Amino acid sequence: MGTLGNILWLFVAGGGPLAIGYAIAGLVMGLTIIGIPFAIAAMRLAVYAALPFDRRVVDRPNGIGSGVLGFLFNLLWLLIAGWALAIGHLVCALGCAISIVGIPFAWAHLKLAWLALWPFGKEIV
């Protein structure tokens, strides 16, 4: 069922353009040394935006996304791009939730909106 959801997500519910947008943003951010951690986060979001079904987001207790550095990265991400990405996902979620068939896609957009606000310290499994 997850495979069918991913196929419909890519071509009907906006997953393809979202994934491409996240990937392009990640490539642009990766051009500078300072932007590399943000590029990695954007690429993780691109993969999750392309295939969100049969995956879940969990907290990563150790690594660059945890502690004070992770908090600062998340805060900077939120101020620069996170809020706009989350609003975009919320608008897409409202559009998908109009029909009963679109409710799973709306739920996926809501999960992506939450992740777009605070991506560091999270892992997609």
N, C-alpha and C. Protein backbone atom coordinates (compact mmCIF):
# COMPACT_ATOMS: atom_id res chain seq x y z
N MET A 1 0.82 -1.19 0.00
CA MET A 1 0.00 0.00 0.00
C MET A 1 0.87 1.26 0.00
N GLY A 2 2.03 1.17 0.67
CA GLY A 2 2.93 2.31 0.70
C GLY A 2 3.49 2.65 -0.66
N THR A 3 3.75 1.62 -1.48
CA THR A 3 4.27 1.86 -2.83
C THR A 3 3.25 2.60 -3.68
N LEU A 4 2.00 2.19 -3.60
CA LEU A 4 0.95 2.89 -4.33
C LEU A 4 0.82 4.33 -3.84
N GLY A 5 0.88 4.52 -2.53
CA GLY A 5 0.82 5.87 -1.97
C GLY A 5 1.97 6.74 -2.46
N ASN A 6 3.18 6.16 -2.53
CA ASN A 6 4.34 6.92 -3.01
C ASN A 6 4.21 7.29 -4.48
N ILE A 7 3.67 6.38 -5.29
CA ILE A 7 3.50 6.68 -6.72
C ILE A 7 2.48 7.81 -6.90
N LEU A 8 1.35 7.70 -6.21
CA LEU A 8 0.34 8.76 -6.30
C LEU A 8 0.87 10.07 -5.74
N TRP A 9 1.65 9.99 -4.67
CA TRP A 9 2.24 11.18 -4.04
C TRP A 9 3.14 11.91 -5.04
N LEU A 10 3.97 11.17 -5.74
CA LEU A 10 4.92 11.79 -6.68
C LEU A 10 4.22 12.51 -7.81
N PHE A 11 3.16 11.91 -8.33
CA PHE A 11 2.56 12.45 -9.55
C PHE A 11 1.27 13.23 -9.34
N VAL A 12 0.60 13.06 -8.19
CA VAL A 12 -0.69 13.70 -8.00
C VAL A 12 -0.68 14.71 -6.85
N ALA A 13 -0.08 14.35 -5.73
CA ALA A 13 -0.20 15.16 -4.52
C ALA A 13 0.93 16.16 -4.31
N GLY A 14 1.79 16.34 -5.29
CA GLY A 14 2.82 17.38 -5.19
C GLY A 14 4.16 16.91 -4.67
N GLY A 15 4.38 15.62 -4.53
CA GLY A 15 5.64 15.14 -4.00
C GLY A 15 6.82 15.33 -4.93
N GLY A 16 6.61 15.17 -6.23
CA GLY A 16 7.69 15.34 -7.19
C GLY A 16 8.27 16.74 -7.19
N PRO A 17 7.45 17.78 -7.37
CA PRO A 17 7.98 19.14 -7.34
C PRO A 17 8.60 19.51 -5.98
N LEU A 18 8.00 19.00 -4.91
CA LEU A 18 8.57 19.28 -3.59
C LEU A 18 9.97 18.69 -3.47
N ALA A 19 10.12 17.44 -3.87
CA ALA A 19 11.42 16.78 -3.77
C ALA A 19 12.46 17.49 -4.64
N ILE A 20 12.07 17.88 -5.84
CA ILE A 20 12.99 18.59 -6.72
C ILE A 20 13.38 19.93 -6.11
N GLY A 21 12.41 20.63 -5.53
CA GLY A 21 12.70 21.92 -4.89
C GLY A 21 13.65 21.78 -3.72
N TYR A 22 13.42 20.78 -2.86
CA TYR A 22 14.33 20.56 -1.75
C TYR A 22 15.73 20.20 -2.25
N ALA A 23 15.82 19.37 -3.29
CA ALA A 23 17.12 18.96 -3.82
C ALA A 23 17.88 20.15 -4.42
N ILE A 24 17.19 21.00 -5.15
CA ILE A 24 17.85 22.19 -5.72
C ILE A 24 18.32 23.11 -4.60
N ALA A 25 17.49 23.31 -3.59
CA ALA A 25 17.89 24.14 -2.45
C ALA A 25 19.10 23.53 -1.75
N GLY A 26 19.13 22.21 -1.61
CA GLY A 26 20.27 21.56 -0.99
C GLY A 26 21.55 21.73 -1.79
N LEU A 27 21.44 21.64 -3.12
CA LEU A 27 22.61 21.85 -3.96
C LEU A 27 23.14 23.28 -3.85
N VAL A 28 22.24 24.24 -3.82
CA VAL A 28 22.65 25.64 -3.69
C VAL A 28 23.29 25.89 -2.33
N MET A 29 22.71 25.35 -1.27
CA MET A 29 23.28 25.54 0.06
C MET A 29 24.62 24.85 0.21
N GLY A 30 24.83 23.77 -0.53
CA GLY A 30 26.08 23.03 -0.44
C GLY A 30 27.25 23.72 -1.11
N LEU A 31 27.01 24.82 -1.80
CA LEU A 31 28.10 25.53 -2.47
C LEU A 31 29.04 26.23 -1.50
N THR A 32 28.57 26.51 -0.30
CA THR A 32 29.42 27.15 0.70
C THR A 32 29.73 26.18 1.82
N ILE A 33 30.81 26.39 2.48
CA ILE A 33 31.19 25.52 3.60
C ILE A 33 30.19 25.67 4.74
N ILE A 34 29.76 26.87 4.98
CA ILE A 34 28.81 27.11 6.07
C ILE A 34 27.47 26.45 5.80
N GLY A 35 27.09 26.34 4.53
CA GLY A 35 25.78 25.79 4.17
C GLY A 35 25.72 24.28 4.09
N ILE A 36 26.85 23.58 4.27
CA ILE A 36 26.85 22.13 4.11
C ILE A 36 25.90 21.42 5.08
N PRO A 37 25.87 21.76 6.38
CA PRO A 37 24.90 21.08 7.25
C PRO A 37 23.45 21.32 6.82
N PHE A 38 23.17 22.51 6.32
CA PHE A 38 21.82 22.82 5.85
C PHE A 38 21.52 22.08 4.55
N ALA A 39 22.53 21.90 3.72
CA ALA A 39 22.36 21.15 2.48
C ALA A 39 22.04 19.68 2.77
N ILE A 40 22.71 19.13 3.77
CA ILE A 40 22.44 17.74 4.16
C ILE A 40 21.00 17.61 4.65
N ALA A 41 20.56 18.56 5.46
CA ALA A 41 19.18 18.53 5.96
C ALA A 41 18.19 18.67 4.81
N ALA A 42 18.49 19.54 3.85
CA ALA A 42 17.59 19.72 2.70
C ALA A 42 17.54 18.46 1.85
N MET A 43 18.65 17.78 1.71
CA MET A 43 18.65 16.53 0.93
C MET A 43 17.86 15.43 1.63
N ARG A 44 17.97 15.37 2.97
CA ARG A 44 17.15 14.40 3.71
C ARG A 44 15.68 14.72 3.53
N LEU A 45 15.34 15.99 3.56
CA LEU A 45 13.95 16.40 3.32
C LEU A 45 13.52 16.08 1.89
N ALA A 46 14.44 16.19 0.93
CA ALA A 46 14.11 15.87 -0.46
C ALA A 46 13.77 14.39 -0.61
N VAL A 47 14.54 13.54 0.02
CA VAL A 47 14.27 12.10 -0.06
C VAL A 47 12.94 11.78 0.61
N TYR A 48 12.70 12.38 1.76
CA TYR A 48 11.44 12.13 2.48
C TYR A 48 10.26 12.73 1.72
N ALA A 49 10.47 13.88 1.07
CA ALA A 49 9.40 14.50 0.29
C ALA A 49 9.08 13.68 -0.95
N ALA A 50 10.05 12.94 -1.47
CA ALA A 50 9.80 12.12 -2.65
C ALA A 50 9.04 10.84 -2.29
N LEU A 51 9.38 10.23 -1.17
CA LEU A 51 8.78 8.94 -0.80
C LEU A 51 8.43 8.93 0.69
N PRO A 52 7.33 9.58 1.10
CA PRO A 52 7.03 9.69 2.52
C PRO A 52 6.32 8.49 3.13
N PHE A 53 5.70 7.67 2.31
CA PHE A 53 4.92 6.56 2.87
C PHE A 53 5.84 5.39 3.20
N ASP A 54 5.49 4.65 4.22
CA ASP A 54 6.30 3.55 4.76
C ASP A 54 7.58 4.04 5.42
N ARG A 55 7.64 5.29 5.80
CA ARG A 55 8.78 5.86 6.52
C ARG A 55 8.24 6.63 7.71
N ARG A 56 9.11 6.82 8.69
CA ARG A 56 8.72 7.64 9.84
C ARG A 56 9.90 8.45 10.31
N VAL A 57 9.62 9.49 11.04
CA VAL A 57 10.64 10.40 11.56
C VAL A 57 10.82 10.10 13.04
N VAL A 58 12.07 9.91 13.44
CA VAL A 58 12.39 9.66 14.85
C VAL A 58 13.45 10.65 15.30
N ASP A 59 13.52 10.88 16.60
CA ASP A 59 14.55 11.74 17.16
C ASP A 59 15.89 11.03 17.13
N ARG A 60 16.94 11.77 16.81
CA ARG A 60 18.29 11.24 16.82
C ARG A 60 18.99 11.83 18.04
N PRO A 61 19.26 11.02 19.06
CA PRO A 61 19.78 11.57 20.31
C PRO A 61 21.22 12.05 20.23
N ASN A 62 22.02 11.52 19.32
CA ASN A 62 23.42 11.91 19.23
C ASN A 62 23.73 12.41 17.83
N GLY A 63 24.75 13.23 17.72
CA GLY A 63 25.15 13.72 16.41
C GLY A 63 25.06 15.23 16.33
N ILE A 64 25.22 15.74 15.10
CA ILE A 64 25.26 17.18 14.89
C ILE A 64 23.92 17.85 15.18
N GLY A 65 22.85 17.12 15.09
CA GLY A 65 21.54 17.71 15.29
C GLY A 65 21.09 17.79 16.73
N SER A 66 21.89 17.29 17.64
CA SER A 66 21.49 17.31 19.04
C SER A 66 22.34 18.32 19.80
N GLY A 67 21.88 18.72 20.93
CA GLY A 67 22.62 19.64 21.77
C GLY A 67 22.45 21.08 21.34
N VAL A 68 23.38 21.91 21.80
CA VAL A 68 23.31 23.35 21.56
C VAL A 68 23.50 23.67 20.08
N LEU A 69 24.45 22.99 19.42
CA LEU A 69 24.69 23.24 18.00
C LEU A 69 23.46 22.91 17.16
N GLY A 70 22.82 21.81 17.48
CA GLY A 70 21.60 21.44 16.77
C GLY A 70 20.49 22.46 17.00
N PHE A 71 20.38 22.94 18.22
CA PHE A 71 19.37 23.96 18.51
C PHE A 71 19.64 25.23 17.70
N LEU A 72 20.90 25.65 17.63
CA LEU A 72 21.24 26.86 16.86
C LEU A 72 20.98 26.65 15.37
N PHE A 73 21.35 25.47 14.84
CA PHE A 73 21.07 25.18 13.43
C PHE A 73 19.57 25.19 13.16
N ASN A 74 18.80 24.57 14.05
CA ASN A 74 17.35 24.54 13.87
C ASN A 74 16.76 25.95 13.93
N LEU A 75 17.24 26.75 14.84
CA LEU A 75 16.74 28.12 14.97
C LEU A 75 17.05 28.93 13.72
N LEU A 76 18.27 28.80 13.21
CA LEU A 76 18.65 29.50 11.99
C LEU A 76 17.83 29.01 10.81
N TRP A 77 17.65 27.70 10.71
CA TRP A 77 16.83 27.11 9.64
C TRP A 77 15.41 27.63 9.71
N LEU A 78 14.85 27.67 10.93
CA LEU A 78 13.47 28.13 11.12
C LEU A 78 13.31 29.58 10.66
N LEU A 79 14.26 30.43 11.01
CA LEU A 79 14.15 31.84 10.66
C LEU A 79 14.35 32.09 9.17
N ILE A 80 15.22 31.31 8.53
CA ILE A 80 15.53 31.56 7.12
C ILE A 80 14.53 30.88 6.19
N ALA A 81 14.27 29.59 6.40
CA ALA A 81 13.47 28.86 5.41
C ALA A 81 12.35 28.03 6.01
N GLY A 82 12.49 27.60 7.24
CA GLY A 82 11.55 26.64 7.81
C GLY A 82 10.11 27.11 7.85
N TRP A 83 9.90 28.34 8.23
CA TRP A 83 8.53 28.83 8.35
C TRP A 83 7.84 28.87 6.98
N ALA A 84 8.57 29.28 5.94
CA ALA A 84 7.97 29.35 4.60
C ALA A 84 7.66 27.96 4.07
N LEU A 85 8.57 27.01 4.30
CA LEU A 85 8.34 25.63 3.86
C LEU A 85 7.13 25.04 4.57
N ALA A 86 7.04 25.29 5.87
CA ALA A 86 5.92 24.75 6.64
C ALA A 86 4.59 25.33 6.17
N ILE A 87 4.56 26.61 5.87
CA ILE A 87 3.32 27.22 5.37
C ILE A 87 2.94 26.61 4.02
N GLY A 88 3.92 26.39 3.16
CA GLY A 88 3.65 25.74 1.88
C GLY A 88 3.06 24.35 2.06
N HIS A 89 3.61 23.59 3.00
CA HIS A 89 3.08 22.25 3.26
C HIS A 89 1.67 22.32 3.86
N LEU A 90 1.43 23.30 4.71
CA LEU A 90 0.09 23.44 5.29
C LEU A 90 -0.95 23.77 4.22
N VAL A 91 -0.58 24.63 3.28
CA VAL A 91 -1.51 24.97 2.19
C VAL A 91 -1.77 23.74 1.32
N CYS A 92 -0.72 22.98 1.02
CA CYS A 92 -0.91 21.74 0.24
C CYS A 92 -1.75 20.73 1.01
N ALA A 93 -1.56 20.67 2.33
CA ALA A 93 -2.35 19.74 3.15
C ALA A 93 -3.82 20.11 3.11
N LEU A 94 -4.12 21.40 3.17
CA LEU A 94 -5.52 21.83 3.08
C LEU A 94 -6.11 21.46 1.73
N GLY A 95 -5.34 21.63 0.67
CA GLY A 95 -5.83 21.26 -0.66
C GLY A 95 -6.08 19.77 -0.79
N CYS A 96 -5.20 18.97 -0.20
CA CYS A 96 -5.38 17.51 -0.29
C CYS A 96 -6.52 17.02 0.59
N ALA A 97 -6.76 17.70 1.70
CA ALA A 97 -7.77 17.25 2.66
C ALA A 97 -9.19 17.53 2.21
N ILE A 98 -9.37 18.18 1.08
CA ILE A 98 -10.72 18.47 0.59
C ILE A 98 -11.49 17.19 0.30
N SER A 99 -10.79 16.20 -0.21
CA SER A 99 -11.47 14.93 -0.52
C SER A 99 -11.02 13.84 0.45
N ILE A 100 -11.82 12.82 0.58
CA ILE A 100 -11.48 11.72 1.47
C ILE A 100 -10.25 10.98 0.97
N VAL A 101 -10.12 10.86 -0.33
CA VAL A 101 -8.96 10.17 -0.92
C VAL A 101 -7.66 10.91 -0.61
N GLY A 102 -7.74 12.22 -0.47
CA GLY A 102 -6.54 13.02 -0.23
C GLY A 102 -6.10 13.11 1.21
N ILE A 103 -6.85 12.56 2.14
CA ILE A 103 -6.51 12.69 3.56
C ILE A 103 -5.14 12.07 3.88
N PRO A 104 -4.78 10.89 3.37
CA PRO A 104 -3.42 10.39 3.66
C PRO A 104 -2.32 11.31 3.12
N PHE A 105 -2.58 11.95 1.99
CA PHE A 105 -1.60 12.88 1.43
C PHE A 105 -1.52 14.15 2.28
N ALA A 106 -2.66 14.59 2.78
CA ALA A 106 -2.67 15.75 3.69
C ALA A 106 -1.88 15.43 4.95
N TRP A 107 -2.04 14.23 5.47
CA TRP A 107 -1.30 13.81 6.67
C TRP A 107 0.20 13.80 6.38
N ALA A 108 0.60 13.34 5.20
CA ALA A 108 2.02 13.34 4.83
C ALA A 108 2.55 14.77 4.73
N HIS A 109 1.74 15.68 4.20
CA HIS A 109 2.16 17.08 4.14
C HIS A 109 2.31 17.66 5.54
N LEU A 110 1.44 17.28 6.46
CA LEU A 110 1.55 17.78 7.84
C LEU A 110 2.82 17.25 8.50
N LYS A 111 3.17 15.99 8.25
CA LYS A 111 4.42 15.46 8.80
C LYS A 111 5.63 16.19 8.20
N LEU A 112 5.56 16.49 6.92
CA LEU A 112 6.65 17.24 6.28
C LEU A 112 6.72 18.67 6.79
N ALA A 113 5.57 19.27 7.08
CA ALA A 113 5.56 20.64 7.62
C ALA A 113 6.25 20.68 8.97
N TRP A 114 5.97 19.69 9.80
CA TRP A 114 6.60 19.64 11.12
C TRP A 114 8.11 19.46 10.97
N LEU A 115 8.52 18.60 10.06
CA LEU A 115 9.94 18.35 9.84
C LEU A 115 10.62 19.56 9.20
N ALA A 116 9.90 20.28 8.35
CA ALA A 116 10.47 21.46 7.71
C ALA A 116 10.74 22.59 8.72
N LEU A 117 10.03 22.59 9.82
CA LEU A 117 10.26 23.60 10.85
C LEU A 117 11.53 23.34 11.65
N TRP A 118 11.82 22.09 11.95
CA TRP A 118 12.88 21.75 12.90
C TRP A 118 13.57 20.45 12.44
N PRO A 119 14.38 20.48 11.36
CA PRO A 119 14.89 19.23 10.77
C PRO A 119 16.11 18.62 11.46
N PHE A 120 16.90 19.40 12.16
CA PHE A 120 18.11 18.87 12.77
C PHE A 120 17.76 18.08 14.02
N GLY A 121 18.44 16.97 14.20
CA GLY A 121 18.15 16.10 15.34
C GLY A 121 17.08 15.07 15.04
N LYS A 122 16.67 14.99 13.79
CA LYS A 122 15.66 14.03 13.35
C LYS A 122 16.30 13.06 12.36
N GLU A 123 15.77 11.85 12.33
CA GLU A 123 16.23 10.85 11.39
C GLU A 123 15.02 10.21 10.74
N ILE A 124 15.12 9.93 9.46
CA ILE A 124 14.02 9.30 8.72
C ILE A 124 14.37 7.84 8.55
N VAL A 125 13.51 6.99 9.10
CA VAL A 125 13.76 5.54 9.02
C VAL A 125 12.61 4.86 8.29
